[in-house]
């Protein structure tokens, strides 16, 4: 029996702290980002909460989605 099929996408994010306020205030609920292989993806802004730093969200991140395109996890892979 095979386990779930996960899709792992790498994105470079450069979101300054002041722009994150739009997410926290509810004005924006989705982030659009370009993957390192050139695809544009959209994901819920609330997934960024675990990777926000004082200056914002900067670096290369791996986003993992399940076979139904549901968000599973995010982690920083480089600065």
PDB file of N, CA and C in Angstrom:
ATOM      1  N   UNK A   1       0.843  -1.184   0.000  1.00  0.00           N
ATOM      2  CA  UNK A   1       0.000   0.000   0.000  1.00  0.00           C
ATOM      3  C   UNK A   1       0.889   1.249   0.000  1.00  0.00           C
ATOM      4  N   UNK A   2       0.578   2.165  -0.851  1.00  0.00           N
ATOM      5  CA  UNK A   2       1.364   3.398  -0.949  1.00  0.00           C
ATOM      6  C   UNK A   2       0.821   4.451   0.001  1.00  0.00           C
ATOM      7  N   UNK A   3       1.724   5.283   0.493  1.00  0.00           N
ATOM      8  CA  UNK A   3       1.326   6.389   1.355  1.00  0.00           C
ATOM      9  C   UNK A   3       0.805   7.542   0.524  1.00  0.00           C
ATOM     10  N   UNK A   4       0.461   8.629   1.189  1.00  0.00           N
ATOM     11  CA  UNK A   4      -0.069   9.794   0.469  1.00  0.00           C
ATOM     12  C   UNK A   4       0.979  10.402  -0.463  1.00  0.00           C
ATOM     13  N   UNK A   5       0.511  10.963  -1.539  1.00  0.00           N
ATOM     14  CA  UNK A   5       1.391  11.624  -2.504  1.00  0.00           C
ATOM     15  C   UNK A   5       1.469  13.105  -2.160  1.00  0.00           C
ATOM     16  N   UNK A   6       2.635  13.555  -1.770  1.00  0.00           N
ATOM     17  CA  UNK A   6       2.806  14.950  -1.411  1.00  0.00           C
ATOM     18  C   UNK A   6       3.524  15.690  -2.515  1.00  0.00           C
ATOM     19  N   UNK A   7       3.095  16.925  -2.725  1.00  0.00           N
ATOM     20  CA  UNK A   7       3.771  17.787  -3.685  1.00  0.00           C
ATOM     21  C   UNK A   7       4.590  18.795  -2.889  1.00  0.00           C
ATOM     22  N   UNK A   8       5.876  18.882  -3.210  1.00  0.00           N
ATOM     23  CA  UNK A   8       6.777  19.799  -2.514  1.00  0.00           C
ATOM     24  C   UNK A   8       7.204  20.887  -3.493  1.00  0.00           C
ATOM     25  N   UNK A   9       6.912  22.123  -3.121  1.00  0.00           N
ATOM     26  CA  UNK A   9       7.234  23.259  -3.976  1.00  0.00           C
ATOM     27  C   UNK A   9       8.147  24.205  -3.223  1.00  0.00           C
ATOM     28  N   UNK A  10       9.142  24.727  -3.916  1.00  0.00           N
ATOM     29  CA  UNK A  10      10.044  25.707  -3.311  1.00  0.00           C
ATOM     30  C   UNK A  10       9.708  27.082  -3.863  1.00  0.00           C
ATOM     31  N   UNK A  11       9.578  28.048  -2.943  1.00  0.00           N
ATOM     32  CA  UNK A  11       9.291  29.423  -3.330  1.00  0.00           C
ATOM     33  C   UNK A  11      10.258  30.349  -2.609  1.00  0.00           C
ATOM     34  N   UNK A  12      10.606  31.442  -3.280  1.00  0.00           N
ATOM     35  CA  UNK A  12      11.405  32.488  -2.651  1.00  0.00           C
ATOM     36  C   UNK A  12      10.438  33.581  -2.253  1.00  0.00           C
ATOM     37  N   UNK A  13      10.397  33.894  -0.954  1.00  0.00           N
ATOM     38  CA  UNK A  13       9.473  34.907  -0.450  1.00  0.00           C
ATOM     39  C   UNK A  13      10.249  36.107   0.059  1.00  0.00           C
ATOM     40  N   UNK A  14       9.770  37.277  -0.287  1.00  0.00           N
ATOM     41  CA  UNK A  14      10.332  38.552   0.173  1.00  0.00           C
ATOM     42  C   UNK A  14       9.155  39.439   0.549  1.00  0.00           C
ATOM     43  N   UNK A  15       8.659  39.251   1.758  1.00  0.00           N
ATOM     44  CA  UNK A  15       7.470  39.980   2.204  1.00  0.00           C
ATOM     45  C   UNK A  15       7.862  40.804   3.430  1.00  0.00           C
ATOM     46  N   UNK A  16       7.962  42.128   3.278  1.00  0.00           N
ATOM     47  CA  UNK A  16       8.328  42.966   4.429  1.00  0.00           C
ATOM     48  C   UNK A  16       7.217  42.966   5.481  1.00  0.00           C
ATOM     49  N   UNK A  17       7.607  43.272   6.706  1.00  0.00           N
ATOM     50  CA  UNK A  17       6.680  43.224   7.843  1.00  0.00           C
ATOM     51  C   UNK A  17       5.435  44.074   7.602  1.00  0.00           C
ATOM     52  N   UNK A  18       5.591  45.258   7.005  1.00  0.00           N
ATOM     53  CA  UNK A  18       4.412  46.126   6.829  1.00  0.00           C
ATOM     54  C   UNK A  18       3.381  45.477   5.911  1.00  0.00           C
ATOM     55  N   UNK A  19       3.815  44.677   4.942  1.00  0.00           N
ATOM     56  CA  UNK A  19       2.853  44.004   4.059  1.00  0.00           C
ATOM     57  C   UNK A  19       2.130  42.872   4.786  1.00  0.00           C
ATOM     58  N   UNK A  20       2.780  42.274   5.769  1.00  0.00           N
ATOM     59  CA  UNK A  20       2.138  41.207   6.531  1.00  0.00           C
ATOM     60  C   UNK A  20       0.930  41.719   7.305  1.00  0.00           C
ATOM     61  N   UNK A  21       0.918  43.020   7.609  1.00  0.00           N
ATOM     62  CA  UNK A  21      -0.236  43.595   8.304  1.00  0.00           C
ATOM     63  C   UNK A  21      -1.523  43.402   7.508  1.00  0.00           C
ATOM     64  N   UNK A  22      -1.434  43.447   6.180  1.00  0.00           N
ATOM     65  CA  UNK A  22      -2.620  43.239   5.350  1.00  0.00           C
ATOM     66  C   UNK A  22      -3.215  41.855   5.598  1.00  0.00           C
ATOM     67  N   UNK A  23      -2.342  40.862   5.801  1.00  0.00           N
ATOM     68  CA  UNK A  23      -2.819  39.506   6.076  1.00  0.00           C
ATOM     69  C   UNK A  23      -3.444  39.436   7.460  1.00  0.00           C
ATOM     70  N   UNK A  24      -2.762  40.003   8.448  1.00  0.00           N
ATOM     71  CA  UNK A  24      -3.252  39.915   9.818  1.00  0.00           C
ATOM     72  C   UNK A  24      -4.528  40.715  10.027  1.00  0.00           C
ATOM     73  N   UNK A  25      -4.692  41.796   9.280  1.00  0.00           N
ATOM     74  CA  UNK A  25      -5.902  42.608   9.396  1.00  0.00           C
ATOM     75  C   UNK A  25      -7.055  42.054   8.569  1.00  0.00           C
ATOM     76  N   UNK A  26      -6.790  40.985   7.835  1.00  0.00           N
ATOM     77  CA  UNK A  26      -7.848  40.340   7.066  1.00  0.00           C
ATOM     78  C   UNK A  26      -8.135  40.957   5.716  1.00  0.00           C
ATOM     79  N   UNK A  27      -7.330  41.941   5.300  1.00  0.00           N
ATOM     80  CA  UNK A  27      -7.554  42.566   3.993  1.00  0.00           C
ATOM     81  C   UNK A  27      -7.147  41.636   2.855  1.00  0.00           C
ATOM     82  N   UNK A  28      -6.163  40.783   3.116  1.00  0.00           N
ATOM     83  CA  UNK A  28      -5.669  39.835   2.128  1.00  0.00           C
ATOM     84  C   UNK A  28      -5.616  38.476   2.806  1.00  0.00           C
ATOM     85  N   UNK A  29      -6.130  37.435   2.134  1.00  0.00           N
ATOM     86  CA  UNK A  29      -6.085  36.117   2.764  1.00  0.00           C
ATOM     87  C   UNK A  29      -5.307  35.083   1.959  1.00  0.00           C
ATOM     88  N   UNK A  30      -4.782  35.501   0.812  1.00  0.00           N
ATOM     89  CA  UNK A  30      -4.049  34.578  -0.049  1.00  0.00           C
ATOM     90  C   UNK A  30      -2.721  35.201  -0.481  1.00  0.00           C
ATOM     91  N   UNK A  31      -1.692  34.364  -0.534  1.00  0.00           N
ATOM     92  CA  UNK A  31      -0.383  34.784  -1.021  1.00  0.00           C
ATOM     93  C   UNK A  31      -0.186  34.180  -2.406  1.00  0.00           C
ATOM     94  N   UNK A  32       0.298  34.977  -3.335  1.00  0.00           N
ATOM     95  CA  UNK A  32       0.697  34.471  -4.650  1.00  0.00           C
ATOM     96  C   UNK A  32       2.215  34.485  -4.678  1.00  0.00           C
ATOM     97  N   UNK A  33       2.807  33.389  -5.114  1.00  0.00           N
ATOM     98  CA  UNK A  33       4.262  33.283  -5.145  1.00  0.00           C
ATOM     99  C   UNK A  33       4.675  32.500  -6.384  1.00  0.00           C
ATOM    100  N   UNK A  34       5.905  32.729  -6.815  1.00  0.00           N
ATOM    101  CA  UNK A  34       6.453  31.997  -7.949  1.00  0.00           C
ATOM    102  C   UNK A  34       7.389  30.921  -7.421  1.00  0.00           C
ATOM    103  N   UNK A  35       7.179  29.703  -7.878  1.00  0.00           N
ATOM    104  CA  UNK A  35       8.054  28.606  -7.468  1.00  0.00           C
ATOM    105  C   UNK A  35       9.406  28.761  -8.147  1.00  0.00           C
ATOM    106  N   UNK A  36      10.395  28.049  -7.629  1.00  0.00           N
ATOM    107  CA  UNK A  36      11.735  28.151  -8.208  1.00  0.00           C
ATOM    108  C   UNK A  36      11.786  27.598  -9.629  1.00  0.00           C
ATOM    109  N   UNK A  37      10.754  26.825 -10.029  1.00  0.00           N
ATOM    110  CA  UNK A  37      10.710  26.338 -11.417  1.00  0.00           C
ATOM    111  C   UNK A  37       9.757  27.159 -12.290  1.00  0.00           C
ATOM    112  N   UNK A  38       9.300  28.322 -11.771  1.00  0.00           N
ATOM    113  CA  UNK A  38       8.564  29.273 -12.595  1.00  0.00           C
ATOM    114  C   UNK A  38       7.051  29.208 -12.542  1.00  0.00           C
ATOM    115  N   UNK A  39       6.476  28.311 -11.768  1.00  0.00           N
ATOM    116  CA  UNK A  39       5.011  28.241 -11.656  1.00  0.00           C
ATOM    117  C   UNK A  39       4.523  29.262 -10.633  1.00  0.00           C
ATOM    118  N   UNK A  40       3.323  29.788 -10.865  1.00  0.00           N
ATOM    119  CA  UNK A  40       2.708  30.699  -9.897  1.00  0.00           C
ATOM    120  C   UNK A  40       1.720  29.882  -9.077  1.00  0.00           C
ATOM    121  N   UNK A  41       1.861  29.978  -7.757  1.00  0.00           N
ATOM    122  CA  UNK A  41       0.954  29.262  -6.871  1.00  0.00           C
ATOM    123  C   UNK A  41       0.288  30.246  -5.923  1.00  0.00           C
ATOM    124  N   UNK A  42      -0.828  29.850  -5.388  1.00  0.00           N
ATOM    125  CA  UNK A  42      -1.575  30.639  -4.402  1.00  0.00           C
ATOM    126  C   UNK A  42      -1.773  29.747  -3.184  1.00  0.00           C
ATOM    127  N   UNK A  43      -1.581  30.329  -2.001  1.00  0.00           N
ATOM    128  CA  UNK A  43      -1.792  29.561  -0.782  1.00  0.00           C
ATOM    129  C   UNK A  43      -2.293  30.492   0.313  1.00  0.00           C
ATOM    130  N   UNK A  44      -2.939  29.925   1.339  1.00  0.00           N
ATOM    131  CA  UNK A  44      -3.498  30.755   2.408  1.00  0.00           C
ATOM    132  C   UNK A  44      -2.407  31.515   3.160  1.00  0.00           C
ATOM    133  N   UNK A  45      -2.645  32.787   3.387  1.00  0.00           N
ATOM    134  CA  UNK A  45      -1.648  33.628   4.061  1.00  0.00           C
ATOM    135  C   UNK A  45      -1.365  33.152   5.478  1.00  0.00           C
ATOM    136  N   UNK A  46      -2.335  32.518   6.114  1.00  0.00           N
ATOM    137  CA  UNK A  46      -2.122  32.116   7.503  1.00  0.00           C
ATOM    138  C   UNK A  46      -1.032  31.068   7.663  1.00  0.00           C
ATOM    139  N   UNK A  47      -0.616  30.399   6.587  1.00  0.00           N
ATOM    140  CA  UNK A  47       0.461  29.410   6.718  1.00  0.00           C
ATOM    141  C   UNK A  47       1.806  30.076   7.007  1.00  0.00           C
ATOM    142  N   UNK A  48       1.884  31.385   6.777  1.00  0.00           N
ATOM    143  CA  UNK A  48       3.145  32.094   7.008  1.00  0.00           C
ATOM    144  C   UNK A  48       3.418  32.351   8.491  1.00  0.00           C
ATOM    145  N   UNK A  49       2.423  32.219   9.326  1.00  0.00           N
ATOM    146  CA  UNK A  49       2.580  32.568  10.745  1.00  0.00           C
ATOM    147  C   UNK A  49       3.788  31.898  11.391  1.00  0.00           C
ATOM    148  N   UNK A  50       4.057  30.663  11.028  1.00  0.00           N
ATOM    149  CA  UNK A  50       5.150  29.934  11.676  1.00  0.00           C
ATOM    150  C   UNK A  50       6.534  30.352  11.177  1.00  0.00           C
ATOM    151  N   UNK A  51       6.595  31.150  10.107  1.00  0.00           N
ATOM    152  CA  UNK A  51       7.906  31.531   9.551  1.00  0.00           C
ATOM    153  C   UNK A  51       8.156  33.038   9.568  1.00  0.00           C
ATOM    154  N   UNK A  52       7.235  33.808  10.170  1.00  0.00           N
ATOM    155  CA  UNK A  52       7.396  35.260  10.229  1.00  0.00           C
ATOM    156  C   UNK A  52       8.500  35.621  11.217  1.00  0.00           C
ATOM    157  N   UNK A  53       9.362  36.534  10.796  1.00  0.00           N
ATOM    158  CA  UNK A  53      10.387  37.089  11.677  1.00  0.00           C
ATOM    159  C   UNK A  53      10.141  38.587  11.810  1.00  0.00           C
ATOM    160  N   UNK A  54      10.920  39.268  12.635  1.00  0.00           N
ATOM    161  CA  UNK A  54      10.696  40.699  12.877  1.00  0.00           C
ATOM    162  C   UNK A  54      10.649  41.516  11.595  1.00  0.00           C
ATOM    163  N   UNK A  55      11.512  41.223  10.642  1.00  0.00           N
ATOM    164  CA  UNK A  55      11.573  42.019   9.414  1.00  0.00           C
ATOM    165  C   UNK A  55      10.570  41.570   8.359  1.00  0.00           C
ATOM    166  N   UNK A  56       9.901  40.434   8.592  1.00  0.00           N
ATOM    167  CA  UNK A  56       8.931  39.919   7.624  1.00  0.00           C
ATOM    168  C   UNK A  56       9.209  38.464   7.320  1.00  0.00           C
ATOM    169  N   UNK A  57       8.952  38.081   6.080  1.00  0.00           N
ATOM    170  CA  UNK A  57       9.200  36.702   5.640  1.00  0.00           C
ATOM    171  C   UNK A  57      10.147  36.769   4.452  1.00  0.00           C
ATOM    172  N   UNK A  58      11.358  36.308   4.656  1.00  0.00           N
ATOM    173  CA  UNK A  58      12.382  36.332   3.615  1.00  0.00           C
ATOM    174  C   UNK A  58      13.088  34.988   3.571  1.00  0.00           C
ATOM    175  N   UNK A  59      13.338  34.505   2.370  1.00  0.00           N
ATOM    176  CA  UNK A  59      14.092  33.269   2.211  1.00  0.00           C
ATOM    177  C   UNK A  59      13.428  32.338   1.222  1.00  0.00           C
ATOM    178  N   UNK A  60      14.016  31.165   1.107  1.00  0.00           N
ATOM    179  CA  UNK A  60      13.456  30.110   0.264  1.00  0.00           C
ATOM    180  C   UNK A  60      12.761  29.117   1.181  1.00  0.00           C
ATOM    181  N   UNK A  61      11.535  28.780   0.833  1.00  0.00           N
ATOM    182  CA  UNK A  61      10.710  27.920   1.668  1.00  0.00           C
ATOM    183  C   UNK A  61      10.197  26.736   0.859  1.00  0.00           C
ATOM    184  N   UNK A  62      10.052  25.619   1.545  1.00  0.00           N
ATOM    185  CA  UNK A  62       9.424  24.452   0.943  1.00  0.00           C
ATOM    186  C   UNK A  62       7.998  24.361   1.478  1.00  0.00           C
ATOM    187  N   UNK A  63       7.050  24.385   0.571  1.00  0.00           N
ATOM    188  CA  UNK A  63       5.649  24.192   0.926  1.00  0.00           C
ATOM    189  C   UNK A  63       5.256  22.786   0.497  1.00  0.00           C
ATOM    190  N   UNK A  64       4.546  22.094   1.363  1.00  0.00           N
ATOM    191  CA  UNK A  64       4.117  20.738   1.072  1.00  0.00           C
ATOM    192  C   UNK A  64       2.592  20.714   1.020  1.00  0.00           C
ATOM    193  N   UNK A  65       2.050  20.119  -0.043  1.00  0.00           N
ATOM    194  CA  UNK A  65       0.613  19.976  -0.240  1.00  0.00           C
ATOM    195  C   UNK A  65       0.292  18.504  -0.440  1.00  0.00           C
ATOM    196  N   UNK A  66      -0.903  18.089   0.008  1.00  0.00           N
ATOM    197  CA  UNK A  66      -1.288  16.696  -0.178  1.00  0.00           C
ATOM    198  C   UNK A  66      -1.885  16.490  -1.570  1.00  0.00           C
ATOM    199  N   UNK A  67      -2.358  15.275  -1.815  1.00  0.00           N
ATOM    200  CA  UNK A  67      -2.873  14.934  -3.143  1.00  0.00           C
ATOM    201  C   UNK A  67      -4.132  15.714  -3.508  1.00  0.00           C
ATOM    202  N   UNK A  68      -4.779  16.325  -2.514  1.00  0.00           N
ATOM    203  CA  UNK A  68      -5.954  17.159  -2.771  1.00  0.00           C
ATOM    204  C   UNK A  68      -5.603  18.642  -2.796  1.00  0.00           C
ATOM    205  N   UNK A  69      -4.307  18.951  -2.886  1.00  0.00           N
ATOM    206  CA  UNK A  69      -3.790  20.325  -2.924  1.00  0.00           C
ATOM    207  C   UNK A  69      -4.038  21.069  -1.613  1.00  0.00           C
ATOM    208  N   UNK A  70      -4.201  20.343  -0.536  1.00  0.00           N
ATOM    209  CA  UNK A  70      -4.396  20.947   0.782  1.00  0.00           C
ATOM    210  C   UNK A  70      -3.028  21.143   1.430  1.00  0.00           C
ATOM    211  N   UNK A  71      -2.829  22.314   2.010  1.00  0.00           N
ATOM    212  CA  UNK A  71      -1.561  22.647   2.652  1.00  0.00           C
ATOM    213  C   UNK A  71      -1.247  21.662   3.779  1.00  0.00           C
ATOM    214  N   UNK A  72       0.010  21.209   3.822  1.00  0.00           N
ATOM    215  CA  UNK A  72       0.472  20.297   4.872  1.00  0.00           C
ATOM    216  C   UNK A  72       1.484  20.995   5.776  1.00  0.00           C
ATOM    217  N   UNK A  73       2.520  21.625   5.170  1.00  0.00           N
ATOM    218  CA  UNK A  73       3.564  22.252   5.995  1.00  0.00           C
ATOM    219  C   UNK A  73       4.376  23.264   5.193  1.00  0.00           C
ATOM    220  N   UNK A  74       5.097  24.095   5.940  1.00  0.00           N
ATOM    221  CA  UNK A  74       6.046  25.040   5.356  1.00  0.00           C
ATOM    222  C   UNK A  74       7.296  25.019   6.211  1.00  0.00           C
ATOM    223  N   UNK A  75       8.449  25.094   5.556  1.00  0.00           N
ATOM    224  CA  UNK A  75       9.702  25.189   6.299  1.00  0.00           C
ATOM    225  C   UNK A  75      10.701  25.995   5.471  1.00  0.00           C
ATOM    226  N   UNK A  76      11.550  26.715   6.188  1.00  0.00           N
ATOM    227  CA  UNK A  76      12.609  27.504   5.550  1.00  0.00           C
ATOM    228  C   UNK A  76      13.713  26.558   5.117  1.00  0.00           C
ATOM    229  N   UNK A  77      14.142  26.662   3.854  1.00  0.00           N
ATOM    230  CA  UNK A  77      15.253  25.826   3.388  1.00  0.00           C
ATOM    231  C   UNK A  77      16.536  26.626   3.209  1.00  0.00           C
ATOM    232  N   UNK A  78      16.424  27.956   3.073  1.00  0.00           N
ATOM    233  CA  UNK A  78      17.609  28.814   3.040  1.00  0.00           C
ATOM    234  C   UNK A  78      17.184  30.268   3.231  1.00  0.00           C
ATOM    235  N   UNK A  79      18.156  31.096   3.605  1.00  0.00           N
ATOM    236  CA  UNK A  79      17.889  32.523   3.822  1.00  0.00           C
ATOM    237  C   UNK A  79      17.927  33.302   2.531  1.00  0.00           C
TER     238      UNK A  79
END
